[in-house]
């Protein structure tokens, strides 16, 4: 949903799912998941029986890092606009 540049009312009401607080919370949680996936990659490399399952922590880490970057970029652009 795109916000208008010059709304009728002075203050633009952002949806709850796009608030700064929730964005930073999701960014922190996605970074925690990324750190967890790094540990999973280390364990799967060290354990001989789990080498075939290394794709799962790699995929989890890539997706959580991508989410972290997207949210940080969104909040940074929003801060520059104000």
PDB file of N, CA and C in Angstrom:
ATOM      1  N   UNK A   1       0.846  -1.158   0.000  1.00  0.00           N
ATOM      2  CA  UNK A   1       0.000   0.000   0.000  1.00  0.00           C
ATOM      3  C   UNK A   1       0.901   1.233   0.000  1.00  0.00           C
ATOM      4  N   UNK A   2       0.753   2.072  -0.989  1.00  0.00           N
ATOM      5  CA  UNK A   2       1.592   3.252  -1.125  1.00  0.00           C
ATOM      6  C   UNK A   2       0.956   4.426  -0.380  1.00  0.00           C
ATOM      7  N   UNK A   3       1.782   5.156   0.356  1.00  0.00           N
ATOM      8  CA  UNK A   3       1.289   6.306   1.107  1.00  0.00           C
ATOM      9  C   UNK A   3       1.325   7.545   0.234  1.00  0.00           C
ATOM     10  N   UNK A   4       0.356   8.424   0.435  1.00  0.00           N
ATOM     11  CA  UNK A   4       0.285   9.650  -0.342  1.00  0.00           C
ATOM     12  C   UNK A   4       1.356  10.625   0.129  1.00  0.00           C
ATOM     13  N   UNK A   5       1.872  11.444  -0.796  1.00  0.00           N
ATOM     14  CA  UNK A   5       2.896  12.421  -0.422  1.00  0.00           C
ATOM     15  C   UNK A   5       2.302  13.585   0.367  1.00  0.00           C
ATOM     16  N   UNK A   6       1.125  14.029  -0.017  1.00  0.00           N
ATOM     17  CA  UNK A   6       0.468  15.138   0.670  1.00  0.00           C
ATOM     18  C   UNK A   6      -0.923  14.685   1.108  1.00  0.00           C
ATOM     19  N   UNK A   7      -1.005  14.037   2.255  1.00  0.00           N
ATOM     20  CA  UNK A   7      -2.322  13.562   2.693  1.00  0.00           C
ATOM     21  C   UNK A   7      -3.206  14.720   3.157  1.00  0.00           C
ATOM     22  N   UNK A   8      -4.487  14.433   3.228  1.00  0.00           N
ATOM     23  CA  UNK A   8      -5.440  15.439   3.679  1.00  0.00           C
ATOM     24  C   UNK A   8      -5.174  15.808   5.129  1.00  0.00           C
ATOM     25  N   UNK A   9      -4.906  14.804   5.942  1.00  0.00           N
ATOM     26  CA  UNK A   9      -4.562  15.053   7.332  1.00  0.00           C
ATOM     27  C   UNK A   9      -3.047  15.202   7.438  1.00  0.00           C
ATOM     28  N   UNK A  10      -2.590  15.878   8.466  1.00  0.00           N
ATOM     29  CA  UNK A  10      -1.156  16.157   8.611  1.00  0.00           C
ATOM     30  C   UNK A  10      -0.341  14.904   8.911  1.00  0.00           C
ATOM     31  N   UNK A  11      -0.806  14.080   9.813  1.00  0.00           N
ATOM     32  CA  UNK A  11      -0.020  12.922  10.227  1.00  0.00           C
ATOM     33  C   UNK A  11      -0.458  11.688   9.438  1.00  0.00           C
ATOM     34  N   UNK A  12       0.515  11.008   8.832  1.00  0.00           N
ATOM     35  CA  UNK A  12       0.232   9.788   8.088  1.00  0.00           C
ATOM     36  C   UNK A  12       0.222   8.630   9.074  1.00  0.00           C
ATOM     37  N   UNK A  13      -0.817   7.845   9.026  1.00  0.00           N
ATOM     38  CA  UNK A  13      -0.927   6.692   9.910  1.00  0.00           C
ATOM     39  C   UNK A  13      -0.356   5.486   9.180  1.00  0.00           C
ATOM     40  N   UNK A  14       0.735   4.961   9.704  1.00  0.00           N
ATOM     41  CA  UNK A  14       1.328   3.781   9.085  1.00  0.00           C
ATOM     42  C   UNK A  14       0.662   2.535   9.644  1.00  0.00           C
ATOM     43  N   UNK A  15       0.551   1.501   8.842  1.00  0.00           N
ATOM     44  CA  UNK A  15      -0.038   0.261   9.344  1.00  0.00           C
ATOM     45  C   UNK A  15       0.832  -0.345  10.444  1.00  0.00           C
ATOM     46  N   UNK A  16       0.221  -1.116  11.326  1.00  0.00           N
ATOM     47  CA  UNK A  16       0.948  -1.680  12.465  1.00  0.00           C
ATOM     48  C   UNK A  16       2.049  -2.623  12.000  1.00  0.00           C
ATOM     49  N   UNK A  17       1.853  -3.291  10.871  1.00  0.00           N
ATOM     50  CA  UNK A  17       2.847  -4.257  10.418  1.00  0.00           C
ATOM     51  C   UNK A  17       4.019  -3.586   9.710  1.00  0.00           C
ATOM     52  N   UNK A  18       3.972  -2.276   9.541  1.00  0.00           N
ATOM     53  CA  UNK A  18       5.068  -1.548   8.914  1.00  0.00           C
ATOM     54  C   UNK A  18       5.625  -0.476   9.841  1.00  0.00           C
ATOM     55  N   UNK A  19       5.394  -0.615  11.127  1.00  0.00           N
ATOM     56  CA  UNK A  19       5.902   0.375  12.072  1.00  0.00           C
ATOM     57  C   UNK A  19       7.392   0.144  12.316  1.00  0.00           C
ATOM     58  N   UNK A  20       8.064   1.182  12.779  1.00  0.00           N
ATOM     59  CA  UNK A  20       9.505   1.080  13.033  1.00  0.00           C
ATOM     60  C   UNK A  20       9.811   0.047  14.112  1.00  0.00           C
ATOM     61  N   UNK A  21       8.986   0.005  15.138  1.00  0.00           N
ATOM     62  CA  UNK A  21       9.221  -0.932  16.233  1.00  0.00           C
ATOM     63  C   UNK A  21       9.146  -2.375  15.752  1.00  0.00           C
ATOM     64  N   UNK A  22       8.139  -2.678  14.976  1.00  0.00           N
ATOM     65  CA  UNK A  22       8.000  -4.047  14.484  1.00  0.00           C
ATOM     66  C   UNK A  22       9.087  -4.380  13.464  1.00  0.00           C
ATOM     67  N   UNK A  23       9.456  -3.421  12.640  1.00  0.00           N
ATOM     68  CA  UNK A  23      10.530  -3.663  11.670  1.00  0.00           C
ATOM     69  C   UNK A  23      11.846  -3.975  12.377  1.00  0.00           C
ATOM     70  N   UNK A  24      12.186  -3.212  13.411  1.00  0.00           N
ATOM     71  CA  UNK A  24      13.427  -3.484  14.133  1.00  0.00           C
ATOM     72  C   UNK A  24      13.349  -4.802  14.890  1.00  0.00           C
ATOM     73  N   UNK A  25      12.184  -5.141  15.411  1.00  0.00           N
ATOM     74  CA  UNK A  25      12.027  -6.428  16.096  1.00  0.00           C
ATOM     75  C   UNK A  25      12.248  -7.587  15.134  1.00  0.00           C
ATOM     76  N   UNK A  26      11.660  -7.505  13.952  1.00  0.00           N
ATOM     77  CA  UNK A  26      11.842  -8.551  12.944  1.00  0.00           C
ATOM     78  C   UNK A  26      13.293  -8.605  12.479  1.00  0.00           C
ATOM     79  N   UNK A  27      13.948  -7.450  12.357  1.00  0.00           N
ATOM     80  CA  UNK A  27      15.352  -7.423  11.948  1.00  0.00           C
ATOM     81  C   UNK A  27      16.243  -8.114  12.986  1.00  0.00           C
ATOM     82  N   UNK A  28      16.003  -7.855  14.251  1.00  0.00           N
ATOM     83  CA  UNK A  28      16.793  -8.491  15.307  1.00  0.00           C
ATOM     84  C   UNK A  28      16.539  -9.995  15.327  1.00  0.00           C
ATOM     85  N   UNK A  29      15.288 -10.397  15.212  1.00  0.00           N
ATOM     86  CA  UNK A  29      14.974 -11.831  15.210  1.00  0.00           C
ATOM     87  C   UNK A  29      15.556 -12.533  13.989  1.00  0.00           C
ATOM     88  N   UNK A  30      15.538 -11.883  12.849  1.00  0.00           N
ATOM     89  CA  UNK A  30      16.114 -12.516  11.667  1.00  0.00           C
ATOM     90  C   UNK A  30      17.637 -12.612  11.789  1.00  0.00           C
ATOM     91  N   UNK A  31      18.276 -11.670  12.470  1.00  0.00           N
ATOM     92  CA  UNK A  31      19.714 -11.774  12.703  1.00  0.00           C
ATOM     93  C   UNK A  31      20.025 -12.914  13.662  1.00  0.00           C
ATOM     94  N   UNK A  32      19.165 -13.134  14.645  1.00  0.00           N
ATOM     95  CA  UNK A  32      19.340 -14.268  15.566  1.00  0.00           C
ATOM     96  C   UNK A  32      19.218 -15.586  14.798  1.00  0.00           C
ATOM     97  N   UNK A  33      18.257 -15.665  13.886  1.00  0.00           N
ATOM     98  CA  UNK A  33      18.108 -16.865  13.062  1.00  0.00           C
ATOM     99  C   UNK A  33      19.330 -17.053  12.170  1.00  0.00           C
ATOM    100  N   UNK A  34      19.886 -15.972  11.651  1.00  0.00           N
ATOM    101  CA  UNK A  34      21.100 -16.064  10.850  1.00  0.00           C
ATOM    102  C   UNK A  34      22.258 -16.616  11.673  1.00  0.00           C
ATOM    103  N   UNK A  35      22.425 -16.130  12.902  1.00  0.00           N
ATOM    104  CA  UNK A  35      23.486 -16.635  13.776  1.00  0.00           C
ATOM    105  C   UNK A  35      23.267 -18.117  14.086  1.00  0.00           C
ATOM    106  N   UNK A  36      22.025 -18.519  14.285  1.00  0.00           N
ATOM    107  CA  UNK A  36      21.696 -19.920  14.522  1.00  0.00           C
ATOM    108  C   UNK A  36      22.053 -20.775  13.309  1.00  0.00           C
ATOM    109  N   UNK A  37      21.826 -20.259  12.116  1.00  0.00           N
ATOM    110  CA  UNK A  37      22.151 -21.025  10.918  1.00  0.00           C
ATOM    111  C   UNK A  37      23.664 -21.137  10.718  1.00  0.00           C
ATOM    112  N   UNK A  38      24.415 -20.129  11.131  1.00  0.00           N
ATOM    113  CA  UNK A  38      25.878 -20.216  11.055  1.00  0.00           C
ATOM    114  C   UNK A  38      26.375 -21.340  11.956  1.00  0.00           C
ATOM    115  N   UNK A  39      25.797 -21.451  13.143  1.00  0.00           N
ATOM    116  CA  UNK A  39      26.155 -22.548  14.048  1.00  0.00           C
ATOM    117  C   UNK A  39      25.758 -23.886  13.425  1.00  0.00           C
ATOM    118  N   UNK A  40      24.611 -23.937  12.767  1.00  0.00           N
ATOM    119  CA  UNK A  40      24.182 -25.161  12.099  1.00  0.00           C
ATOM    120  C   UNK A  40      25.119 -25.576  10.980  1.00  0.00           C
ATOM    121  N   UNK A  41      25.648 -24.616  10.230  1.00  0.00           N
ATOM    122  CA  UNK A  41      26.613 -24.924   9.171  1.00  0.00           C
ATOM    123  C   UNK A  41      27.895 -25.483   9.787  1.00  0.00           C
ATOM    124  N   UNK A  42      28.360 -24.870  10.873  1.00  0.00           N
ATOM    125  CA  UNK A  42      29.571 -25.361  11.530  1.00  0.00           C
ATOM    126  C   UNK A  42      29.393 -26.788  12.045  1.00  0.00           C
ATOM    127  N   UNK A  43      28.252 -27.075  12.644  1.00  0.00           N
ATOM    128  CA  UNK A  43      27.997 -28.418  13.165  1.00  0.00           C
ATOM    129  C   UNK A  43      27.899 -29.425  12.032  1.00  0.00           C
ATOM    130  N   UNK A  44      27.223 -29.056  10.956  1.00  0.00           N
ATOM    131  CA  UNK A  44      27.073 -30.011   9.855  1.00  0.00           C
ATOM    132  C   UNK A  44      28.392 -30.263   9.129  1.00  0.00           C
ATOM    133  N   UNK A  45      29.301 -29.311   9.142  1.00  0.00           N
ATOM    134  CA  UNK A  45      30.620 -29.531   8.543  1.00  0.00           C
ATOM    135  C   UNK A  45      31.458 -30.449   9.435  1.00  0.00           C
ATOM    136  N   UNK A  46      31.358 -30.263  10.744  1.00  0.00           N
ATOM    137  CA  UNK A  46      32.172 -31.044  11.676  1.00  0.00           C
ATOM    138  C   UNK A  46      31.675 -32.476  11.845  1.00  0.00           C
ATOM    139  N   UNK A  47      30.377 -32.705  11.728  1.00  0.00           N
ATOM    140  CA  UNK A  47      29.817 -34.036  11.930  1.00  0.00           C
ATOM    141  C   UNK A  47      29.700 -34.739  10.589  1.00  0.00           C
ATOM    142  N   UNK A  48      30.312 -35.892  10.486  1.00  0.00           N
ATOM    143  CA  UNK A  48      30.391 -36.603   9.214  1.00  0.00           C
ATOM    144  C   UNK A  48      29.010 -37.026   8.704  1.00  0.00           C
ATOM    145  N   UNK A  49      28.101 -37.387   9.558  1.00  0.00           N
ATOM    146  CA  UNK A  49      26.791 -37.868   9.132  1.00  0.00           C
ATOM    147  C   UNK A  49      25.848 -36.771   8.653  1.00  0.00           C
ATOM    148  N   UNK A  50      26.161 -35.527   8.945  1.00  0.00           N
ATOM    149  CA  UNK A  50      25.253 -34.424   8.613  1.00  0.00           C
ATOM    150  C   UNK A  50      25.719 -33.575   7.427  1.00  0.00           C
ATOM    151  N   UNK A  51      26.751 -33.973   6.747  1.00  0.00           N
ATOM    152  CA  UNK A  51      27.281 -33.182   5.631  1.00  0.00           C
ATOM    153  C   UNK A  51      26.247 -33.054   4.511  1.00  0.00           C
ATOM    154  N   UNK A  52      25.426 -34.066   4.319  1.00  0.00           N
ATOM    155  CA  UNK A  52      24.407 -34.013   3.276  1.00  0.00           C
ATOM    156  C   UNK A  52      23.269 -33.054   3.580  1.00  0.00           C
ATOM    157  N   UNK A  53      23.155 -32.662   4.830  1.00  0.00           N
ATOM    158  CA  UNK A  53      22.068 -31.756   5.232  1.00  0.00           C
ATOM    159  C   UNK A  53      22.525 -30.307   5.384  1.00  0.00           C
ATOM    160  N   UNK A  54      23.682 -29.966   4.845  1.00  0.00           N
ATOM    161  CA  UNK A  54      24.198 -28.604   4.989  1.00  0.00           C
ATOM    162  C   UNK A  54      23.343 -27.595   4.223  1.00  0.00           C
ATOM    163  N   UNK A  55      22.564 -28.057   3.257  1.00  0.00           N
ATOM    164  CA  UNK A  55      21.739 -27.152   2.460  1.00  0.00           C
ATOM    165  C   UNK A  55      20.691 -26.442   3.318  1.00  0.00           C
ATOM    166  N   UNK A  56      20.203 -27.107   4.346  1.00  0.00           N
ATOM    167  CA  UNK A  56      19.141 -26.493   5.146  1.00  0.00           C
ATOM    168  C   UNK A  56      19.629 -25.277   5.951  1.00  0.00           C
ATOM    169  N   UNK A  57      20.726 -25.378   6.720  1.00  0.00           N
ATOM    170  CA  UNK A  57      21.173 -24.156   7.407  1.00  0.00           C
ATOM    171  C   UNK A  57      21.668 -23.079   6.445  1.00  0.00           C
ATOM    172  N   UNK A  58      22.200 -23.483   5.294  1.00  0.00           N
ATOM    173  CA  UNK A  58      22.612 -22.472   4.314  1.00  0.00           C
ATOM    174  C   UNK A  58      21.407 -21.714   3.765  1.00  0.00           C
ATOM    175  N   UNK A  59      20.356 -22.441   3.453  1.00  0.00           N
ATOM    176  CA  UNK A  59      19.128 -21.804   2.955  1.00  0.00           C
ATOM    177  C   UNK A  59      18.504 -20.919   4.026  1.00  0.00           C
ATOM    178  N   UNK A  60      18.453 -21.414   5.248  1.00  0.00           N
ATOM    179  CA  UNK A  60      17.905 -20.646   6.362  1.00  0.00           C
ATOM    180  C   UNK A  60      18.708 -19.369   6.598  1.00  0.00           C
ATOM    181  N   UNK A  61      20.012 -19.472   6.536  1.00  0.00           N
ATOM    182  CA  UNK A  61      20.867 -18.298   6.728  1.00  0.00           C
ATOM    183  C   UNK A  61      20.721 -17.285   5.613  1.00  0.00           C
ATOM    184  N   UNK A  62      20.647 -17.773   4.376  1.00  0.00           N
ATOM    185  CA  UNK A  62      20.504 -16.854   3.240  1.00  0.00           C
ATOM    186  C   UNK A  62      19.170 -16.106   3.299  1.00  0.00           C
ATOM    187  N   UNK A  63      18.099 -16.822   3.609  1.00  0.00           N
ATOM    188  CA  UNK A  63      16.786 -16.171   3.673  1.00  0.00           C
ATOM    189  C   UNK A  63      16.686 -15.186   4.825  1.00  0.00           C
ATOM    190  N   UNK A  64      17.226 -15.547   5.992  1.00  0.00           N
ATOM    191  CA  UNK A  64      17.152 -14.631   7.132  1.00  0.00           C
ATOM    192  C   UNK A  64      18.051 -13.411   6.920  1.00  0.00           C
ATOM    193  N   UNK A  65      19.205 -13.595   6.275  1.00  0.00           N
ATOM    194  CA  UNK A  65      20.067 -12.451   5.997  1.00  0.00           C
ATOM    195  C   UNK A  65      19.429 -11.526   4.964  1.00  0.00           C
ATOM    196  N   UNK A  66      18.777 -12.100   3.961  1.00  0.00           N
ATOM    197  CA  UNK A  66      18.067 -11.299   2.961  1.00  0.00           C
ATOM    198  C   UNK A  66      16.946 -10.491   3.617  1.00  0.00           C
ATOM    199  N   UNK A  67      16.194 -11.117   4.519  1.00  0.00           N
ATOM    200  CA  UNK A  67      15.130 -10.415   5.234  1.00  0.00           C
ATOM    201  C   UNK A  67      15.704  -9.294   6.089  1.00  0.00           C
ATOM    202  N   UNK A  68      16.814  -9.564   6.768  1.00  0.00           N
ATOM    203  CA  UNK A  68      17.463  -8.547   7.590  1.00  0.00           C
ATOM    204  C   UNK A  68      17.875  -7.339   6.745  1.00  0.00           C
ATOM    205  N   UNK A  69      18.503  -7.598   5.607  1.00  0.00           N
ATOM    206  CA  UNK A  69      18.928  -6.493   4.735  1.00  0.00           C
ATOM    207  C   UNK A  69      17.746  -5.686   4.214  1.00  0.00           C
ATOM    208  N   UNK A  70      16.703  -6.370   3.766  1.00  0.00           N
ATOM    209  CA  UNK A  70      15.531  -5.666   3.233  1.00  0.00           C
ATOM    210  C   UNK A  70      14.881  -4.765   4.286  1.00  0.00           C
ATOM    211  N   UNK A  71      14.778  -5.238   5.507  1.00  0.00           N
ATOM    212  CA  UNK A  71      14.140  -4.438   6.553  1.00  0.00           C
ATOM    213  C   UNK A  71      15.025  -3.256   6.937  1.00  0.00           C
ATOM    214  N   UNK A  72      16.317  -3.471   7.038  1.00  0.00           N
ATOM    215  CA  UNK A  72      17.217  -2.362   7.384  1.00  0.00           C
ATOM    216  C   UNK A  72      17.202  -1.303   6.279  1.00  0.00           C
ATOM    217  N   UNK A  73      17.183  -1.722   5.033  1.00  0.00           N
ATOM    218  CA  UNK A  73      17.109  -0.762   3.925  1.00  0.00           C
ATOM    219  C   UNK A  73      15.792   0.004   3.964  1.00  0.00           C
ATOM    220  N   UNK A  74      14.695  -0.686   4.250  1.00  0.00           N
ATOM    221  CA  UNK A  74      13.385  -0.022   4.322  1.00  0.00           C
ATOM    222  C   UNK A  74      13.356   1.032   5.412  1.00  0.00           C
ATOM    223  N   UNK A  75      13.849   0.692   6.605  1.00  0.00           N
ATOM    224  CA  UNK A  75      13.814   1.642   7.707  1.00  0.00           C
ATOM    225  C   UNK A  75      14.788   2.805   7.446  1.00  0.00           C
ATOM    226  N   UNK A  76      15.917   2.520   6.827  1.00  0.00           N
ATOM    227  CA  UNK A  76      16.879   3.585   6.502  1.00  0.00           C
ATOM    228  C   UNK A  76      16.304   4.566   5.500  1.00  0.00           C
ATOM    229  N   UNK A  77      15.641   4.054   4.461  1.00  0.00           N
ATOM    230  CA  UNK A  77      15.014   4.941   3.481  1.00  0.00           C
ATOM    231  C   UNK A  77      13.908   5.777   4.130  1.00  0.00           C
ATOM    232  N   UNK A  78      13.159   5.179   5.023  1.00  0.00           N
ATOM    233  CA  UNK A  78      12.094   5.907   5.706  1.00  0.00           C
ATOM    234  C   UNK A  78      12.667   7.014   6.586  1.00  0.00           C
ATOM    235  N   UNK A  79      13.788   6.745   7.249  1.00  0.00           N
ATOM    236  CA  UNK A  79      14.413   7.760   8.099  1.00  0.00           C
ATOM    237  C   UNK A  79      14.951   8.926   7.256  1.00  0.00           C
ATOM    238  N   UNK A  80      15.524   8.615   6.095  1.00  0.00           N
ATOM    239  CA  UNK A  80      16.040   9.678   5.220  1.00  0.00           C
ATOM    240  C   UNK A  80      14.923  10.540   4.653  1.00  0.00           C
ATOM    241  N   UNK A  81      13.755   9.939   4.415  1.00  0.00           N
ATOM    242  CA  UNK A  81      12.639  10.691   3.860  1.00  0.00           C
ATOM    243  C   UNK A  81      12.075  11.706   4.862  1.00  0.00           C
ATOM    244  N   UNK A  82      12.184  11.397   6.132  1.00  0.00           N
ATOM    245  CA  UNK A  82      11.658  12.308   7.142  1.00  0.00           C
ATOM    246  C   UNK A  82      12.750  13.223   7.546  1.00  0.00           C
TER     247      UNK A  82
END
